[in-house]
């Protein structure tokens, strides 16, 4: 192997060996939600926040079990103090104060969320301004989705971030107040969602790793786009609403399958036979664990997606030409990823007249983010395809796929276990 090839191999090895493990252990997308119902100088506030956000703050919260098990008073006091300090409402520049009994526990069937509510009394009902600083210190990319209704009027929503953490609310006495998020806000939300979503990016990278031409790459991305656009719409419109934990787990599963396919396409018959045996044993173990309740994923869905993956690998073994139909795999698993994308909007519970703007802007933002990924990695992929020594190219693909497979297994297991 020449020194030139060793240098190229080292570059790709460094990229996959350093970046992907960091992505695998990166935090999940950080989001929180609040509803503000304002009448006169009083406001009813309800927040919905993932347990993991408080864990990042160092609070000793464990994910609750199926049986009600309230946290101790000290933990509840810490939660209440944090919420009232970081979710604030002002009128005429003066702080609205919480009234007794203070922050209340709201029961929820979602065991991964903390839901709390409290009442605020403001000095007046004029020039209202909402401010939040929650979780930006521990997760700078945190996004907060706020919904506001004033005096029974129209519902408005806005996405708040560390760059824009204040919202001047609608004031009946003026026409210059902000009315909420606009198309460009949802466009930017879609871009940031795909860029901060390490699992979606790794899935696309796994698909593109063996791209031999621009046309090949475009077919893959198009298949993924069409599929996730369908389920994104179905999820946001509440036509289909699968468990978010199951969706996130199957996203990890899909990443592992595509990485395994990369190995399948770059190895000999003996290695493929060993990979198939390993895969079948793993699937049987996962199905058994799901049946026993160890993995929190739908048993039938796990069986179905496993049978699809097994059948595809066997067909690929018999007909190598099927490798040019990888866009079908991208399409099938894109349906799963679409429900993952929908999670960013469904919890916001947008009013019907705002759904079209939000869906269009968010979906377009996701596509722009995907194109950005392609632009970023395409020069590296083309350099990989230009390597004259086939063995070097295969080793690089397999090294990258090994890292991707590890990330996929990690995400599937940790999310399925909860």
Protein backbone atom coordinates (compact mmCIF):
# COMPACT_ATOMS: atom_id res chain seq x y z
CA UNK A 1 0.00 0.00 0.00
CA UNK A 2 1.52 3.33 -1.05
CA UNK A 3 2.06 6.27 1.28
CA UNK A 4 -0.61 8.24 -0.63
CA UNK A 5 -3.22 5.60 0.09
CA UNK A 6 -2.16 5.38 3.73
CA UNK A 7 -2.67 9.14 4.08
CA UNK A 8 -6.13 8.97 2.50
CA UNK A 9 -7.07 6.03 4.71
CA UNK A 10 -5.90 7.88 7.79
CA UNK A 11 -8.05 10.92 6.95
CA UNK A 12 -11.23 8.87 6.67
CA UNK A 13 -10.38 6.79 9.74
CA UNK A 14 -9.92 9.94 11.80
CA UNK A 15 -13.24 11.34 10.63
CA UNK A 16 -15.24 8.22 11.43
CA UNK A 17 -13.27 7.28 14.51
CA UNK A 18 -13.56 10.67 16.19
CA UNK A 19 -16.83 12.22 15.02
CA UNK A 20 -19.21 9.25 15.13
CA UNK A 21 -18.51 8.16 18.71
CA UNK A 22 -19.11 11.75 19.79
CA UNK A 23 -22.44 11.72 17.96
CA UNK A 24 -23.44 8.41 19.52
CA UNK A 25 -23.00 9.73 23.03
CA UNK A 26 -24.42 13.19 22.24
CA UNK A 27 -27.56 14.24 24.06
CA UNK A 28 -30.92 13.83 22.39
CA UNK A 29 -32.54 16.93 20.94
CA UNK A 30 -33.33 19.27 23.82
CA UNK A 31 -36.85 20.75 23.82
CA UNK A 32 -39.48 21.96 26.27
CA UNK A 33 -43.05 23.25 25.95
CA UNK A 34 -45.27 25.72 27.76
CA UNK A 35 -48.85 26.98 27.55
CA UNK A 36 -49.87 30.42 28.80
CA UNK A 37 -53.59 31.20 29.24
CA UNK A 38 -53.88 34.88 30.12
CA UNK A 39 -57.06 36.61 31.28
CA UNK A 40 -56.80 40.16 32.60
CA UNK A 41 -53.83 40.33 34.95
CA UNK A 42 -53.75 36.58 35.70
CA UNK A 43 -51.95 33.85 33.75
CA UNK A 44 -52.23 30.06 34.02
CA UNK A 45 -48.87 28.48 33.10
CA UNK A 46 -48.34 24.80 32.21
CA UNK A 47 -44.94 23.39 31.22
CA UNK A 48 -44.04 19.97 29.77
CA UNK A 49 -40.37 19.06 30.08
CA UNK A 50 -38.43 15.84 29.58
CA UNK A 51 -37.02 14.25 32.73
CA UNK A 52 -33.59 14.21 31.08
CA UNK A 53 -33.49 18.02 31.05
CA UNK A 54 -33.55 18.06 34.86
CA UNK A 55 -31.01 15.24 34.99
CA UNK A 56 -28.64 17.47 33.03
CA UNK A 57 -29.09 20.10 35.75
CA UNK A 58 -27.89 17.60 38.33
CA UNK A 59 -31.28 16.99 39.94
CA UNK A 60 -31.68 13.39 41.13
CA UNK A 61 -34.65 12.45 38.99
CA UNK A 62 -35.09 8.91 37.71
CA UNK A 63 -37.57 8.06 35.00
CA UNK A 64 -40.77 7.20 36.88
CA UNK A 65 -42.16 3.68 36.74
CA UNK A 66 -45.61 2.74 35.49
CA UNK A 67 -46.86 2.98 39.10
CA UNK A 68 -47.17 6.51 40.50
CA UNK A 69 -44.05 7.26 42.54
CA UNK A 70 -43.68 10.97 43.39
CA UNK A 71 -40.23 12.41 43.96
CA UNK A 72 -39.28 13.67 47.39
CA UNK A 73 -40.23 17.13 48.63
CA UNK A 74 -36.70 18.45 48.23
CA UNK A 75 -36.63 17.51 44.54
CA UNK A 76 -40.07 19.03 43.97
CA UNK A 77 -38.98 22.24 45.65
CA UNK A 78 -35.91 22.38 43.41
CA UNK A 79 -38.07 21.86 40.30
CA UNK A 80 -40.54 24.54 41.39
CA UNK A 81 -37.77 27.03 42.14
CA UNK A 82 -36.08 26.42 38.79
CA UNK A 83 -39.31 26.75 36.79
CA UNK A 84 -40.52 29.96 38.43
CA UNK A 85 -37.05 31.49 38.07
CA UNK A 86 -36.60 30.66 34.38
CA UNK A 87 -40.16 30.98 33.01
CA UNK A 88 -41.19 34.57 33.64
CA UNK A 89 -43.93 36.93 32.55
CA UNK A 90 -43.68 40.72 32.78
CA UNK A 91 -46.28 43.47 32.44
CA UNK A 92 -45.19 47.08 32.03
CA UNK A 93 -41.66 45.86 32.81
CA UNK A 94 -42.66 44.45 36.21
CA UNK A 95 -42.43 40.76 37.13
CA UNK A 96 -45.64 38.77 37.50
CA UNK A 97 -45.54 36.80 40.76
CA UNK A 98 -46.75 33.21 41.41
CA UNK A 99 -49.66 32.78 43.82
CA UNK A 100 -50.34 30.02 46.33
CA UNK A 101 -50.30 27.06 46.29
CA UNK A 102 -47.43 27.65 43.84
CA UNK A 103 -46.22 25.03 41.38
CA UNK A 104 -48.57 22.04 41.12
CA UNK A 105 -47.93 18.50 39.86
CA UNK A 106 -50.00 17.60 36.79
CA UNK A 107 -50.50 13.87 36.19
CA UNK A 108 -49.56 12.55 32.74
CA UNK A 109 -49.44 9.19 30.98
CA UNK A 110 -46.07 10.11 29.46
CA UNK A 111 -43.62 8.70 31.99
CA UNK A 112 -40.67 10.53 30.45
CA UNK A 113 -42.09 14.03 31.01
CA UNK A 114 -42.44 16.38 33.95
CA UNK A 115 -45.67 18.41 33.75
CA UNK A 116 -46.14 21.28 36.18
CA UNK A 117 -48.56 24.22 36.41
CA UNK A 118 -48.87 27.44 38.40
CA UNK A 119 -50.71 30.76 38.40
CA UNK A 120 -49.21 34.22 38.01
CA UNK A 121 -50.65 37.59 38.98
CA UNK A 122 -49.35 40.64 37.11
CA UNK A 123 -49.34 44.32 38.15
CA UNK A 124 -51.39 45.07 35.03
CA UNK A 125 -52.56 43.47 31.79
CA UNK A 126 -50.63 45.79 29.46
CA UNK A 127 -47.37 45.32 27.51
CA UNK A 128 -46.92 41.67 28.39
CA UNK A 129 -43.56 40.06 27.76
CA UNK A 130 -42.56 36.40 28.16
CA UNK A 131 -38.96 35.46 28.92
CA UNK A 132 -37.31 32.08 29.35
CA UNK A 133 -33.76 31.10 30.21
CA UNK A 134 -34.47 27.46 31.06
CA UNK A 135 -31.91 24.82 30.07
CA UNK A 136 -29.84 27.08 27.81
CA UNK A 137 -26.85 26.77 30.14
CA UNK A 138 -26.81 22.96 30.02
CA UNK A 139 -28.01 22.63 26.41
CA UNK A 140 -27.19 25.73 24.31
CA UNK A 141 -29.16 24.29 21.36
CA UNK A 142 -32.28 23.92 23.53
CA UNK A 143 -35.55 25.01 21.89
CA UNK A 144 -38.61 26.10 23.85
CA UNK A 145 -42.06 26.05 22.25
CA UNK A 146 -44.47 28.53 23.85
CA UNK A 147 -48.23 28.77 23.18
CA UNK A 148 -50.16 31.81 24.34
CA UNK A 149 -53.86 32.66 24.43
CA UNK A 150 -54.96 36.06 25.71
CA UNK A 151 -58.54 36.69 26.84
CA UNK A 152 -59.89 33.75 24.85
CA UNK A 153 -58.44 35.17 21.63
CA UNK A 154 -56.49 33.36 18.92
CA UNK A 155 -53.72 30.99 19.95
CA UNK A 156 -50.20 32.07 19.03
CA UNK A 157 -47.01 30.06 19.24
CA UNK A 158 -43.34 30.91 19.10
CA UNK A 159 -40.07 29.00 19.16
CA UNK A 160 -37.65 30.51 21.68
CA UNK A 161 -33.92 29.85 21.79
CA UNK A 162 -30.78 31.15 23.46
CA UNK A 163 -30.51 33.71 20.65
CA UNK A 164 -34.15 34.81 21.01
CA UNK A 165 -35.39 34.15 24.54
CA UNK A 166 -37.99 36.94 24.82
CA UNK A 167 -41.43 37.31 23.26
CA UNK A 168 -43.41 40.56 23.39
CA UNK A 169 -46.95 39.26 23.53
CA UNK A 170 -50.06 40.54 21.82
CA UNK A 171 -51.34 43.67 23.56
CA UNK A 172 -54.98 44.69 22.89
CA UNK A 173 -53.90 48.33 22.99
CA UNK A 174 -51.37 48.15 20.14
CA UNK A 175 -50.92 46.61 16.70
CA UNK A 176 -47.14 46.38 16.79
CA UNK A 177 -46.71 43.36 19.06
CA UNK A 178 -45.32 40.10 17.74
CA UNK A 179 -47.96 37.54 16.81
CA UNK A 180 -45.78 34.44 16.97
CA UNK A 181 -43.70 32.22 14.76
CA UNK A 182 -43.64 32.79 11.02
CA UNK A 183 -42.72 30.65 8.02
CA UNK A 184 -39.04 31.52 8.32
CA UNK A 185 -39.07 30.47 11.98
CA UNK A 186 -40.30 26.99 11.07
CA UNK A 187 -37.84 26.88 8.18
CA UNK A 188 -35.01 27.55 10.62
CA UNK A 189 -36.49 25.06 13.10
CA UNK A 190 -36.36 22.34 10.41
CA UNK A 191 -32.73 23.15 9.62
CA UNK A 192 -31.66 23.13 13.26
CA UNK A 193 -33.64 19.96 13.93
CA UNK A 194 -31.85 17.94 11.25
CA UNK A 195 -28.45 19.47 12.04
CA UNK A 196 -28.80 18.78 15.77
CA UNK A 197 -30.32 15.34 15.14
CA UNK A 198 -27.19 13.19 15.15
CA UNK A 199 -29.16 10.01 14.48
CA UNK A 200 -30.76 11.33 11.28
CA UNK A 201 -27.40 12.61 10.02
CA UNK A 202 -25.65 9.32 10.75
CA UNK A 203 -28.41 7.41 8.92
CA UNK A 204 -27.94 9.55 5.81
CA UNK A 205 -24.17 9.22 6.07
CA UNK A 206 -24.51 5.43 6.22
CA UNK A 207 -26.60 5.49 3.04
CA UNK A 208 -24.24 7.83 1.23
CA UNK A 209 -21.06 6.05 2.26
CA UNK A 210 -21.25 3.75 -0.75
CA UNK A 211 -22.60 6.34 -3.18
CA UNK A 212 -20.85 5.85 -6.52
CA UNK A 213 -22.27 8.88 -8.33
CA UNK A 214 -24.27 12.03 -7.75
CA UNK A 215 -27.33 10.45 -9.38
CA UNK A 216 -27.06 7.47 -7.01
CA UNK A 217 -26.88 9.82 -4.00
CA UNK A 218 -29.82 11.92 -5.22
CA UNK A 219 -32.03 8.82 -5.60
CA UNK A 220 -31.25 7.82 -2.03
CA UNK A 221 -31.95 11.27 -0.60
CA UNK A 222 -35.13 11.58 -2.68
CA UNK A 223 -36.45 8.24 -1.41
CA UNK A 224 -35.74 9.28 2.17
CA UNK A 225 -37.33 12.69 1.61
CA UNK A 226 -40.57 11.41 0.07
CA UNK A 227 -41.04 8.83 2.83
CA UNK A 228 -40.34 11.04 5.83
CA UNK A 229 -42.49 13.82 4.36
CA UNK A 230 -45.47 11.44 4.35
CA UNK A 231 -45.12 10.33 7.97
CA UNK A 232 -44.19 13.83 9.12
CA UNK A 233 -47.57 15.02 7.83
CA UNK A 234 -49.44 12.03 9.27
CA UNK A 235 -47.80 12.54 12.66
CA UNK A 236 -48.39 16.29 12.90
CA UNK A 237 -52.01 15.92 11.74
CA UNK A 238 -52.51 13.19 14.39
CA UNK A 239 -53.66 10.70 11.76
CA UNK A 240 -51.05 8.28 13.13
CA UNK A 241 -49.38 8.89 16.50
CA UNK A 242 -46.92 6.11 17.43
CA UNK A 243 -45.03 6.07 20.69
CA UNK A 244 -42.11 8.50 20.58
CA UNK A 245 -39.91 6.05 22.52
CA UNK A 246 -40.61 3.31 19.96
CA UNK A 247 -39.93 5.65 17.04
CA UNK A 248 -36.61 6.79 18.46
CA UNK A 249 -35.62 3.17 19.12
CA UNK A 250 -36.44 2.07 15.57
CA UNK A 251 -34.42 5.00 14.21
CA UNK A 252 -31.41 3.46 15.95
CA UNK A 253 -32.38 0.06 14.50
CA UNK A 254 -32.53 1.51 10.97
CA UNK A 255 -29.04 2.96 11.34
CA UNK A 256 -27.67 -0.41 12.36
CA UNK A 257 -29.32 -2.17 9.41
CA UNK A 258 -27.90 0.23 6.81
CA UNK A 259 -24.41 -0.06 8.35
CA UNK A 260 -24.76 -3.86 8.29
CA UNK A 261 -25.77 -3.63 4.63
CA UNK A 262 -22.54 -1.76 3.89
CA UNK A 263 -20.58 -4.68 5.32
CA UNK A 264 -22.74 -7.10 3.34
CA UNK A 265 -21.90 -5.37 0.07
CA UNK A 266 -18.15 -5.25 0.71
CA UNK A 267 -17.41 -8.76 2.03
CA UNK A 268 -17.24 -12.32 0.73
CA UNK A 269 -19.73 -15.15 1.09
CA UNK A 270 -18.21 -16.60 4.28
CA UNK A 271 -18.31 -13.25 6.07
CA UNK A 272 -21.87 -12.62 4.90
CA UNK A 273 -22.92 -16.00 6.30
CA UNK A 274 -21.36 -15.07 9.65
CA UNK A 275 -23.04 -11.64 9.61
CA UNK A 276 -26.44 -13.20 8.88
CA UNK A 277 -26.04 -15.68 11.75
CA UNK A 278 -25.03 -12.86 14.11
CA UNK A 279 -27.94 -10.71 12.95
CA UNK A 280 -30.55 -13.48 13.35
CA UNK A 281 -29.34 -14.29 16.87
CA UNK A 282 -29.46 -10.60 17.79
CA UNK A 283 -32.97 -10.20 16.38
CA UNK A 284 -34.25 -13.28 18.23
CA UNK A 285 -32.76 -11.94 21.45
CA UNK A 286 -34.34 -8.51 20.87
CA UNK A 287 -37.75 -9.99 20.10
CA UNK A 288 -37.57 -12.14 23.24
CA UNK A 289 -36.57 -9.10 25.31
CA UNK A 290 -39.47 -7.09 23.86
CA UNK A 291 -41.86 -9.96 24.58
CA UNK A 292 -40.70 -10.03 28.21
CA UNK A 293 -41.09 -6.27 28.54
CA UNK A 294 -37.37 -5.55 28.86
CA UNK A 295 -37.39 -3.49 25.63
CA UNK A 296 -40.13 -0.87 25.43
CA UNK A 297 -40.90 -1.32 21.73
CA UNK A 298 -44.02 -2.82 20.06
CA UNK A 299 -43.38 -6.53 19.59
CA UNK A 300 -45.16 -6.87 16.24
CA UNK A 301 -43.43 -3.80 14.84
CA UNK A 302 -40.04 -5.18 15.87
CA UNK A 303 -40.84 -8.55 14.28
CA UNK A 304 -42.00 -6.86 11.07
CA UNK A 305 -39.00 -4.59 10.65
CA UNK A 306 -36.66 -7.48 11.47
CA UNK A 307 -38.28 -9.74 8.85
CA UNK A 308 -37.99 -6.96 6.26
CA UNK A 309 -34.29 -6.49 7.02
CA UNK A 310 -33.57 -10.24 6.94
CA UNK A 311 -35.42 -10.75 3.66
CA UNK A 312 -33.64 -7.80 2.09
CA UNK A 313 -30.21 -9.10 3.07
CA UNK A 314 -31.00 -12.56 1.71
CA UNK A 315 -32.27 -11.09 -1.58
CA UNK A 316 -29.18 -8.92 -1.77
CA UNK A 317 -27.07 -12.05 -1.40
CA UNK A 318 -28.81 -13.67 -4.37
CA UNK A 319 -29.09 -10.60 -6.60
CA UNK A 320 -26.18 -8.17 -6.22
CA UNK A 321 -27.88 -5.77 -8.64
CA UNK A 322 -30.33 -4.89 -5.85
CA UNK A 323 -27.65 -2.64 -4.39
CA UNK A 324 -28.80 -0.03 -6.91
CA UNK A 325 -32.24 -0.08 -5.27
CA UNK A 326 -31.00 1.17 -1.89
CA UNK A 327 -33.36 4.10 -2.28
CA UNK A 328 -36.14 1.63 -1.41
CA UNK A 329 -34.45 0.95 1.93
CA UNK A 330 -34.06 4.70 2.42
CA UNK A 331 -37.76 5.06 1.68
CA UNK A 332 -38.88 2.33 4.10
CA UNK A 333 -36.78 3.57 6.98
CA UNK A 334 -37.56 7.16 6.04
CA UNK A 335 -41.14 6.43 7.14
CA UNK A 336 -39.78 5.78 10.64
CA UNK A 337 -37.60 8.90 10.66
CA UNK A 338 -40.58 11.01 9.57
CA UNK A 339 -42.38 10.22 12.81
CA UNK A 340 -39.20 11.28 14.60
CA UNK A 341 -39.27 14.62 12.78
CA UNK A 342 -42.97 15.02 13.64
CA UNK A 343 -42.19 14.93 17.36
CA UNK A 344 -40.78 18.46 17.14
CA UNK A 345 -44.19 19.82 16.09
CA UNK A 346 -46.82 17.49 17.56
CA UNK A 347 -46.13 18.46 21.18
CA UNK A 348 -46.73 22.07 20.24
CA UNK A 349 -50.39 21.20 19.43
CA UNK A 350 -50.65 23.84 16.73
CA UNK A 351 -54.07 25.24 15.82
CA UNK A 352 -55.44 23.99 12.51
CA UNK A 353 -54.96 27.29 10.70
CA UNK A 354 -51.22 27.23 11.52
CA UNK A 355 -50.45 23.65 10.51
CA UNK A 356 -49.89 24.28 6.79
CA UNK A 357 -47.33 27.03 7.39
CA UNK A 358 -45.53 25.03 10.07
CA UNK A 359 -45.45 21.80 8.04
CA UNK A 360 -44.23 23.45 4.87
CA UNK A 361 -41.58 25.54 6.57
CA UNK A 362 -40.34 22.75 8.82
CA UNK A 363 -40.18 20.14 6.04
CA UNK A 364 -38.37 22.52 3.70
CA UNK A 365 -35.90 23.28 6.49
CA UNK A 366 -35.23 19.57 6.95
CA UNK A 367 -34.54 19.19 3.22
CA UNK A 368 -32.15 22.14 3.24
CA UNK A 369 -30.34 20.56 6.18
CA UNK A 370 -30.02 17.29 4.28
CA UNK A 371 -28.66 19.06 1.23
CA UNK A 372 -26.17 20.83 3.47
CA UNK A 373 -24.96 17.45 4.69
CA UNK A 374 -24.54 16.22 1.12
CA UNK A 375 -22.57 19.31 0.14
CA UNK A 376 -20.33 18.89 3.18
CA UNK A 377 -19.50 15.19 2.71
CA UNK A 378 -19.61 14.87 -1.07
CA UNK A 379 -15.98 15.93 -1.69
CA UNK A 380 -14.85 13.27 0.82
CA UNK A 381 -17.05 10.61 -0.78
CA UNK A 382 -15.74 11.44 -4.23
CA UNK A 383 -12.16 11.26 -2.94
CA UNK A 384 -13.04 7.84 -1.53
CA UNK A 385 -14.40 6.67 -4.90
CA UNK A 386 -11.28 7.91 -6.67
CA UNK A 387 -8.97 5.64 -4.69
CA UNK A 388 -7.36 3.30 -7.19
CA UNK A 389 -6.70 0.53 -4.70
CA UNK A 390 -10.05 -1.18 -4.13
CA UNK A 391 -8.92 -2.83 -0.90
CA UNK A 392 -8.20 0.54 0.69
CA UNK A 393 -11.63 1.87 -0.28
CA UNK A 394 -13.35 -1.20 1.17
CA UNK A 395 -11.42 -0.95 4.43
CA UNK A 396 -12.43 2.70 4.83
CA UNK A 397 -16.09 1.91 4.13
CA UNK A 398 -16.00 -0.94 6.63
CA UNK A 399 -14.29 1.19 9.28
CA UNK A 400 -16.92 3.90 8.88
CA UNK A 401 -19.72 1.34 8.88
CA UNK A 402 -18.36 -0.24 12.07
CA UNK A 403 -18.58 3.12 13.85
CA UNK A 404 -22.07 3.72 12.45
CA UNK A 405 -23.20 0.22 13.47
CA UNK A 406 -21.96 0.83 17.01
CA UNK A 407 -23.91 4.10 17.16
CA UNK A 408 -27.07 2.42 15.83
CA UNK A 409 -26.89 -0.40 18.39
CA UNK A 410 -26.23 2.09 21.18
CA UNK A 411 -29.25 4.22 20.24
CA UNK A 412 -31.56 1.24 19.79
CA UNK A 413 -30.70 -0.43 23.10
CA UNK A 414 -30.61 2.71 25.28
CA UNK A 415 -33.83 4.10 23.84
CA UNK A 416 -35.67 0.76 23.91
CA UNK A 417 -34.66 0.13 27.52
CA UNK A 418 -35.67 3.69 28.42
